[in-house]
PDB file of all heavy atoms in Angstrom:
ATOM      1  N   LYS A   1      -1.703  -3.169   3.325  1.00  0.00           N
ATOM      2  CA  LYS A   1      -0.767  -4.085   2.694  1.00  0.00           C
ATOM      3  C   LYS A   1      -1.442  -4.772   1.519  1.00  0.00           C
ATOM      4  O   LYS A   1      -2.625  -5.074   1.530  1.00  0.00           O
ATOM      5  CB  LYS A   1      -0.276  -5.120   3.711  1.00  0.00           C
ATOM      6  CG  LYS A   1       0.526  -4.485   4.849  1.00  0.00           C
ATOM      7  CD  LYS A   1       1.004  -5.544   5.813  1.00  0.00           C
ATOM      8  CE  LYS A   1       1.808  -4.913   6.933  1.00  0.00           C
ATOM      9  NZ  LYS A   1       2.264  -5.910   7.917  1.00  0.00           N
ATOM     10  N   LYS A   2      -0.647  -5.102   0.495  1.00  0.00           N
ATOM     11  CA  LYS A   2      -1.199  -5.647  -0.726  1.00  0.00           C
ATOM     12  C   LYS A   2      -1.416  -7.153  -0.663  1.00  0.00           C
ATOM     13  O   LYS A   2      -1.891  -7.746  -1.618  1.00  0.00           O
ATOM     14  CB  LYS A   2      -0.259  -5.313  -1.905  1.00  0.00           C
ATOM     15  CG  LYS A   2      -0.064  -3.819  -2.115  1.00  0.00           C
ATOM     16  CD  LYS A   2      -1.375  -3.101  -2.343  1.00  0.00           C
ATOM     17  CE  LYS A   2      -1.169  -1.612  -2.579  1.00  0.00           C
ATOM     18  NZ  LYS A   2      -2.423  -0.898  -2.737  1.00  0.00           N
ATOM     19  N   ASN A   3      -1.074  -7.809   0.410  1.00  0.00           N
ATOM     20  CA  ASN A   3      -1.224  -9.242   0.499  1.00  0.00           C
ATOM     21  C   ASN A   3      -2.449  -9.636   1.319  1.00  0.00           C
ATOM     22  O   ASN A   3      -2.497 -10.684   1.940  1.00  0.00           O
ATOM     23  CB  ASN A   3       0.032  -9.878   1.104  1.00  0.00           C
ATOM     24  CG  ASN A   3       0.310  -9.373   2.503  1.00  0.00           C
ATOM     25  OD1 ASN A   3      -0.350  -8.472   2.965  1.00  0.00           O
ATOM     26  ND2 ASN A   3       1.318  -9.954   3.143  1.00  0.00           N
ATOM     27  N   LEU A   4      -3.458  -8.774   1.308  1.00  0.00           N
ATOM     28  CA  LEU A   4      -4.632  -9.037   2.118  1.00  0.00           C
ATOM     29  C   LEU A   4      -5.540 -10.107   1.524  1.00  0.00           C
ATOM     30  O   LEU A   4      -6.425 -10.603   2.187  1.00  0.00           O
ATOM     31  CB  LEU A   4      -5.437  -7.747   2.297  1.00  0.00           C
ATOM     32  CG  LEU A   4      -4.829  -6.732   3.258  1.00  0.00           C
ATOM     33  CD1 LEU A   4      -5.657  -5.465   3.241  1.00  0.00           C
ATOM     34  CD2 LEU A   4      -4.741  -7.287   4.669  1.00  0.00           C
ATOM     35  N   GLY A   5      -5.333 -10.443   0.239  1.00  0.00           N
ATOM     36  CA  GLY A   5      -6.175 -11.442  -0.374  1.00  0.00           C
ATOM     37  C   GLY A   5      -7.420 -10.804  -0.959  1.00  0.00           C
ATOM     38  O   GLY A   5      -7.486  -9.599  -1.183  1.00  0.00           O
ATOM     39  N   PRO A   6      -8.442 -11.605  -1.239  1.00  0.00           N
ATOM     40  CA  PRO A   6      -9.665 -11.084  -1.854  1.00  0.00           C
ATOM     41  C   PRO A   6     -10.288  -9.981  -1.019  1.00  0.00           C
ATOM     42  O   PRO A   6     -10.217  -9.977   0.204  1.00  0.00           O
ATOM     43  CB  PRO A   6     -10.576 -12.318  -1.909  1.00  0.00           C
ATOM     44  CG  PRO A   6      -9.639 -13.487  -1.872  1.00  0.00           C
ATOM     45  CD  PRO A   6      -8.477 -13.051  -1.034  1.00  0.00           C
ATOM     46  N   ALA A   7     -10.941  -9.055  -1.697  1.00  0.00           N
ATOM     47  CA  ALA A   7     -11.538  -7.912  -0.997  1.00  0.00           C
ATOM     48  C   ALA A   7     -12.538  -8.366   0.047  1.00  0.00           C
ATOM     49  O   ALA A   7     -12.687  -7.742   1.095  1.00  0.00           O
ATOM     50  CB  ALA A   7     -12.222  -6.979  -2.011  1.00  0.00           C
ATOM     51  N   SER A   8     -13.215  -9.450  -0.229  1.00  0.00           N
ATOM     52  CA  SER A   8     -14.226  -9.917   0.708  1.00  0.00           C
ATOM     53  C   SER A   8     -13.629 -10.417   2.007  1.00  0.00           C
ATOM     54  O   SER A   8     -14.333 -10.599   2.999  1.00  0.00           O
ATOM     55  CB  SER A   8     -15.042 -11.042   0.073  1.00  0.00           C
ATOM     56  OG  SER A   8     -14.193 -12.135  -0.254  1.00  0.00           O
ATOM     57  N   GLN A   9     -12.302 -10.662   2.041  1.00  0.00           N
ATOM     58  CA  GLN A   9     -11.649 -11.190   3.215  1.00  0.00           C
ATOM     59  C   GLN A   9     -10.905 -10.123   4.009  1.00  0.00           C
ATOM     60  O   GLN A   9     -10.130 -10.426   4.898  1.00  0.00           O
ATOM     61  CB  GLN A   9     -10.678 -12.319   2.823  1.00  0.00           C
ATOM     62  CG  GLN A   9     -11.364 -13.498   2.166  1.00  0.00           C
ATOM     63  CD  GLN A   9     -10.368 -14.555   1.729  1.00  0.00           C
ATOM     64  OE1 GLN A   9      -9.200 -14.511   2.096  1.00  0.00           O
ATOM     65  NE2 GLN A   9     -10.835 -15.508   0.946  1.00  0.00           N
ATOM     66  N   LEU A  10     -11.106  -8.856   3.673  1.00  0.00           N
ATOM     67  CA  LEU A  10     -10.422  -7.782   4.388  1.00  0.00           C
ATOM     68  C   LEU A  10     -10.758  -7.845   5.873  1.00  0.00           C
ATOM     69  O   LEU A  10     -11.907  -8.048   6.255  1.00  0.00           O
ATOM     70  CB  LEU A  10     -10.840  -6.418   3.829  1.00  0.00           C
ATOM     71  CG  LEU A  10     -10.220  -6.038   2.478  1.00  0.00           C
ATOM     72  CD1 LEU A  10     -10.798  -4.725   2.012  1.00  0.00           C
ATOM     73  CD2 LEU A  10      -8.709  -5.945   2.575  1.00  0.00           C
ATOM     74  N   ASP A  11      -9.729  -7.651   6.707  1.00  0.00           N
ATOM     75  CA  ASP A  11      -9.858  -7.714   8.152  1.00  0.00           C
ATOM     76  C   ASP A  11     -10.250  -6.343   8.683  1.00  0.00           C
ATOM     77  O   ASP A  11      -9.475  -5.391   8.605  1.00  0.00           O
ATOM     78  CB  ASP A  11      -8.522  -8.172   8.752  1.00  0.00           C
ATOM     79  CG  ASP A  11      -8.598  -8.379  10.261  1.00  0.00           C
ATOM     80  OD1 ASP A  11      -9.511  -7.822  10.890  1.00  0.00           O
ATOM     81  OD2 ASP A  11      -7.729  -9.088  10.787  1.00  0.00           O
ATOM     82  N   ALA A  12     -11.464  -6.235   9.222  1.00  0.00           N
ATOM     83  CA  ALA A  12     -11.939  -4.931   9.705  1.00  0.00           C
ATOM     84  C   ALA A  12     -11.055  -4.384  10.808  1.00  0.00           C
ATOM     85  O   ALA A  12     -10.795  -3.183  10.869  1.00  0.00           O
ATOM     86  CB  ALA A  12     -13.371  -5.067  10.200  1.00  0.00           C
ATOM     87  N   GLU A  13     -10.553  -5.244  11.695  1.00  0.00           N
ATOM     88  CA  GLU A  13      -9.690  -4.780  12.770  1.00  0.00           C
ATOM     89  C   GLU A  13      -8.381  -4.238  12.224  1.00  0.00           C
ATOM     90  O   GLU A  13      -7.839  -3.247  12.711  1.00  0.00           O
ATOM     91  CB  GLU A  13      -9.431  -5.913  13.763  1.00  0.00           C
ATOM     92  CG  GLU A  13     -10.614  -6.245  14.648  1.00  0.00           C
ATOM     93  CD  GLU A  13     -11.099  -5.034  15.440  1.00  0.00           C
ATOM     94  OE1 GLU A  13     -10.246  -4.323  15.999  1.00  0.00           O
ATOM     95  OE2 GLU A  13     -12.309  -4.793  15.478  1.00  0.00           O
ATOM     96  N   ALA A  14      -7.848  -4.876  11.182  1.00  0.00           N
ATOM     97  CA  ALA A  14      -6.613  -4.380  10.558  1.00  0.00           C
ATOM     98  C   ALA A  14      -6.846  -3.016   9.925  1.00  0.00           C
ATOM     99  O   ALA A  14      -5.981  -2.137   9.961  1.00  0.00           O
ATOM    100  CB  ALA A  14      -6.109  -5.369   9.515  1.00  0.00           C
ATOM    101  N   ILE A  15      -8.026  -2.845   9.346  1.00  0.00           N
ATOM    102  CA  ILE A  15      -8.362  -1.551   8.746  1.00  0.00           C
ATOM    103  C   ILE A  15      -8.351  -0.458   9.813  1.00  0.00           C
ATOM    104  O   ILE A  15      -7.774   0.608   9.645  1.00  0.00           O
ATOM    105  CB  ILE A  15      -9.747  -1.618   8.062  1.00  0.00           C
ATOM    106  CG1 ILE A  15      -9.680  -2.561   6.860  1.00  0.00           C
ATOM    107  CG2 ILE A  15     -10.201  -0.227   7.624  1.00  0.00           C
ATOM    108  CD1 ILE A  15     -11.039  -2.881   6.274  1.00  0.00           C
ATOM    109  N   LEU A  16      -8.997  -0.755  10.948  1.00  0.00           N
ATOM    110  CA  LEU A  16      -9.041   0.230  12.024  1.00  0.00           C
ATOM    111  C   LEU A  16      -7.651   0.521  12.562  1.00  0.00           C
ATOM    112  O   LEU A  16      -7.312   1.666  12.866  1.00  0.00           O
ATOM    113  CB  LEU A  16      -9.948  -0.273  13.143  1.00  0.00           C
ATOM    114  CG  LEU A  16     -11.454  -0.289  12.824  1.00  0.00           C
ATOM    115  CD1 LEU A  16     -12.225  -0.899  13.979  1.00  0.00           C
ATOM    116  CD2 LEU A  16     -11.962   1.107  12.515  1.00  0.00           C
ATOM    117  N   LYS A  17      -6.822  -0.522  12.672  1.00  0.00           N
ATOM    118  CA  LYS A  17      -5.458  -0.332  13.163  1.00  0.00           C
ATOM    119  C   LYS A  17      -4.687   0.601  12.241  1.00  0.00           C
ATOM    120  O   LYS A  17      -3.991   1.521  12.692  1.00  0.00           O
ATOM    121  CB  LYS A  17      -4.757  -1.677  13.270  1.00  0.00           C
ATOM    122  CG  LYS A  17      -3.334  -1.588  13.802  1.00  0.00           C
ATOM    123  CD  LYS A  17      -2.713  -2.980  13.905  1.00  0.00           C
ATOM    124  CE  LYS A  17      -1.270  -2.890  14.407  1.00  0.00           C
ATOM    125  NZ  LYS A  17      -0.653  -4.245  14.490  1.00  0.00           N
ATOM    126  N   ASP A  18      -4.782   0.386  10.921  1.00  0.00           N
ATOM    127  CA  ASP A  18      -4.093   1.249   9.969  1.00  0.00           C
ATOM    128  C   ASP A  18      -4.638   2.668  10.021  1.00  0.00           C
ATOM    129  O   ASP A  18      -3.886   3.639   9.950  1.00  0.00           O
ATOM    130  CB  ASP A  18      -4.241   0.703   8.547  1.00  0.00           C
ATOM    131  CG  ASP A  18      -3.258  -0.412   8.243  1.00  0.00           C
ATOM    132  OD1 ASP A  18      -2.369  -0.643   9.084  1.00  0.00           O
ATOM    133  OD2 ASP A  18      -3.382  -1.043   7.182  1.00  0.00           O
ATOM    134  N   ALA A  19      -5.947   2.789  10.178  1.00  0.00           N
ATOM    135  CA  ALA A  19      -6.539   4.127  10.220  1.00  0.00           C
ATOM    136  C   ALA A  19      -6.075   4.891  11.445  1.00  0.00           C
ATOM    137  O   ALA A  19      -5.751   6.074  11.374  1.00  0.00           O
ATOM    138  CB  ALA A  19      -8.067   4.005  10.221  1.00  0.00           C
ATOM    139  N   ARG A  20      -6.027   4.192  12.599  1.00  0.00           N
ATOM    140  CA  ARG A  20      -5.549   4.854  13.815  1.00  0.00           C
ATOM    141  C   ARG A  20      -4.087   5.268  13.675  1.00  0.00           C
ATOM    142  O   ARG A  20      -3.685   6.328  14.118  1.00  0.00           O
ATOM    143  CB  ARG A  20      -5.731   3.921  15.004  1.00  0.00           C
ATOM    144  CG  ARG A  20      -7.193   3.704  15.393  1.00  0.00           C
ATOM    145  CD  ARG A  20      -7.308   2.941  16.697  1.00  0.00           C
ATOM    146  NE  ARG A  20      -8.701   2.770  17.071  1.00  0.00           N
ATOM    147  CZ  ARG A  20      -9.386   1.638  16.896  1.00  0.00           C
ATOM    148  NH1 ARG A  20      -8.789   0.580  16.359  1.00  0.00           N
ATOM    149  NH2 ARG A  20     -10.646   1.566  17.251  1.00  0.00           N
ATOM    150  N   ARG A  21      -3.273   4.433  13.034  1.00  0.00           N
ATOM    151  CA  ARG A  21      -1.877   4.781  12.827  1.00  0.00           C
ATOM    152  C   ARG A  21      -1.750   5.990  11.923  1.00  0.00           C
ATOM    153  O   ARG A  21      -0.911   6.863  12.119  1.00  0.00           O
ATOM    154  CB  ARG A  21      -1.125   3.592  12.221  1.00  0.00           C
ATOM    155  CG  ARG A  21       0.392   3.820  12.141  1.00  0.00           C
ATOM    156  CD  ARG A  21       1.093   2.746  11.320  1.00  0.00           C
ATOM    157  NE  ARG A  21       0.677   2.835   9.933  1.00  0.00           N
ATOM    158  CZ  ARG A  21       0.116   1.848   9.266  1.00  0.00           C
ATOM    159  NH1 ARG A  21      -0.157   0.706   9.845  1.00  0.00           N
ATOM    160  NH2 ARG A  21      -0.232   1.990   7.986  1.00  0.00           N
ATOM    161  N   GLU A  22      -2.589   6.069  10.885  1.00  0.00           N
ATOM    162  CA  GLU A  22      -2.539   7.209   9.980  1.00  0.00           C
ATOM    163  C   GLU A  22      -2.896   8.498  10.709  1.00  0.00           C
ATOM    164  O   GLU A  22      -2.312   9.550  10.455  1.00  0.00           O
ATOM    165  CB  GLU A  22      -3.503   6.996   8.806  1.00  0.00           C
ATOM    166  CG  GLU A  22      -3.021   5.961   7.806  1.00  0.00           C
ATOM    167  CD  GLU A  22      -1.766   6.405   7.082  1.00  0.00           C
ATOM    168  OE1 GLU A  22      -1.567   7.620   6.906  1.00  0.00           O
ATOM    169  OE2 GLU A  22      -0.974   5.538   6.696  1.00  0.00           O
ATOM    170  N   LEU A  23      -3.862   8.436  11.622  1.00  0.00           N
ATOM    171  CA  LEU A  23      -4.208   9.643  12.374  1.00  0.00           C
ATOM    172  C   LEU A  23      -3.072  10.065  13.283  1.00  0.00           C
ATOM    173  O   LEU A  23      -2.673  11.218  13.294  1.00  0.00           O
ATOM    174  CB  LEU A  23      -5.474   9.391  13.199  1.00  0.00           C
ATOM    175  CG  LEU A  23      -6.791   9.544  12.427  1.00  0.00           C
ATOM    176  CD1 LEU A  23      -7.937   9.022  13.238  1.00  0.00           C
ATOM    177  CD2 LEU A  23      -7.018  10.982  12.034  1.00  0.00           C
ATOM    178  N   ALA A  24      -2.546   9.134  14.069  1.00  0.00           N
ATOM    179  CA  ALA A  24      -1.375   9.378  14.917  1.00  0.00           C
ATOM    180  C   ALA A  24      -1.462  10.702  15.656  1.00  0.00           C
ATOM    181  O   ALA A  24      -0.523  11.479  15.696  1.00  0.00           O
ATOM    182  CB  ALA A  24      -0.102   9.330  14.072  1.00  0.00           C
ATOM    183  N   LEU A  25      -2.585  11.001  16.255  1.00  0.00           N
ATOM    184  CA  LEU A  25      -2.791  12.291  16.899  1.00  0.00           C
ATOM    185  C   LEU A  25      -2.513  12.206  18.393  1.00  0.00           C
ATOM    186  O   LEU A  25      -2.849  11.219  19.034  1.00  0.00           O
ATOM    187  CB  LEU A  25      -4.239  12.755  16.699  1.00  0.00           C
ATOM    188  CG  LEU A  25      -4.672  12.939  15.248  1.00  0.00           C
ATOM    189  CD1 LEU A  25      -6.136  13.351  15.212  1.00  0.00           C
ATOM    190  CD2 LEU A  25      -3.822  13.975  14.561  1.00  0.00           C
ATOM    191  N   PRO A  26      -1.917  13.239  19.012  1.00  0.00           N
ATOM    192  CA  PRO A  26      -1.701  13.250  20.450  1.00  0.00           C
ATOM    193  C   PRO A  26      -3.011  13.373  21.206  1.00  0.00           C
ATOM    194  O   PRO A  26      -4.076  13.574  20.648  1.00  0.00           O
ATOM    195  CB  PRO A  26      -0.802  14.469  20.668  1.00  0.00           C
ATOM    196  CG  PRO A  26      -0.994  15.316  19.477  1.00  0.00           C
ATOM    197  CD  PRO A  26      -1.316  14.399  18.343  1.00  0.00           C
ATOM    198  N   SER A  27      -2.911  13.299  22.549  1.00  0.00           N
ATOM    199  CA  SER A  27      -4.104  13.193  23.380  1.00  0.00           C
ATOM    200  C   SER A  27      -5.053  14.369  23.214  1.00  0.00           C
ATOM    201  O   SER A  27      -6.267  14.209  23.327  1.00  0.00           O
ATOM    202  CB  SER A  27      -3.693  13.079  24.851  1.00  0.00           C
ATOM    203  OG  SER A  27      -2.915  14.195  25.229  1.00  0.00           O
ATOM    204  N   ARG A  28      -4.535  15.545  22.935  1.00  0.00           N
ATOM    205  CA  ARG A  28      -5.433  16.697  22.826  1.00  0.00           C
ATOM    206  C   ARG A  28      -6.277  16.630  21.559  1.00  0.00           C
ATOM    207  O   ARG A  28      -7.136  17.461  21.345  1.00  0.00           O
ATOM    208  CB  ARG A  28      -4.637  18.001  22.854  1.00  0.00           C
ATOM    209  CG  ARG A  28      -3.653  18.166  21.723  1.00  0.00           C
ATOM    210  CD  ARG A  28      -2.940  19.504  21.845  1.00  0.00           C
ATOM    211  NE  ARG A  28      -1.873  19.637  20.868  1.00  0.00           N
ATOM    212  CZ  ARG A  28      -1.332  20.801  20.530  1.00  0.00           C
ATOM    213  NH1 ARG A  28      -1.766  21.902  21.090  1.00  0.00           N
ATOM    214  NH2 ARG A  28      -0.367  20.856  19.653  1.00  0.00           N
ATOM    215  N   ARG A  29      -6.028  15.612  20.689  1.00  0.00           N
ATOM    216  CA  ARG A  29      -6.809  15.478  19.471  1.00  0.00           C
ATOM    217  C   ARG A  29      -7.676  14.221  19.506  1.00  0.00           C
ATOM    218  O   ARG A  29      -8.059  13.689  18.476  1.00  0.00           O
ATOM    219  CB  ARG A  29      -5.875  15.427  18.269  1.00  0.00           C
ATOM    220  CG  ARG A  29      -4.938  16.628  18.228  1.00  0.00           C
ATOM    221  CD  ARG A  29      -3.872  16.444  17.175  1.00  0.00           C
ATOM    222  NE  ARG A  29      -2.707  17.244  17.499  1.00  0.00           N
ATOM    223  CZ  ARG A  29      -1.590  17.242  16.804  1.00  0.00           C
ATOM    224  NH1 ARG A  29      -1.462  16.492  15.758  1.00  0.00           N
ATOM    225  NH2 ARG A  29      -0.566  17.990  17.169  1.00  0.00           N
TER     226      ARG A  29
END
């Protein structure tokens, strides 16, 4: 999302959440 604020304030957990959603792989993956 573009409202994350300064780059130094990026939320690492939010990054991981988005990355996991992008993968969206079933259990065999």
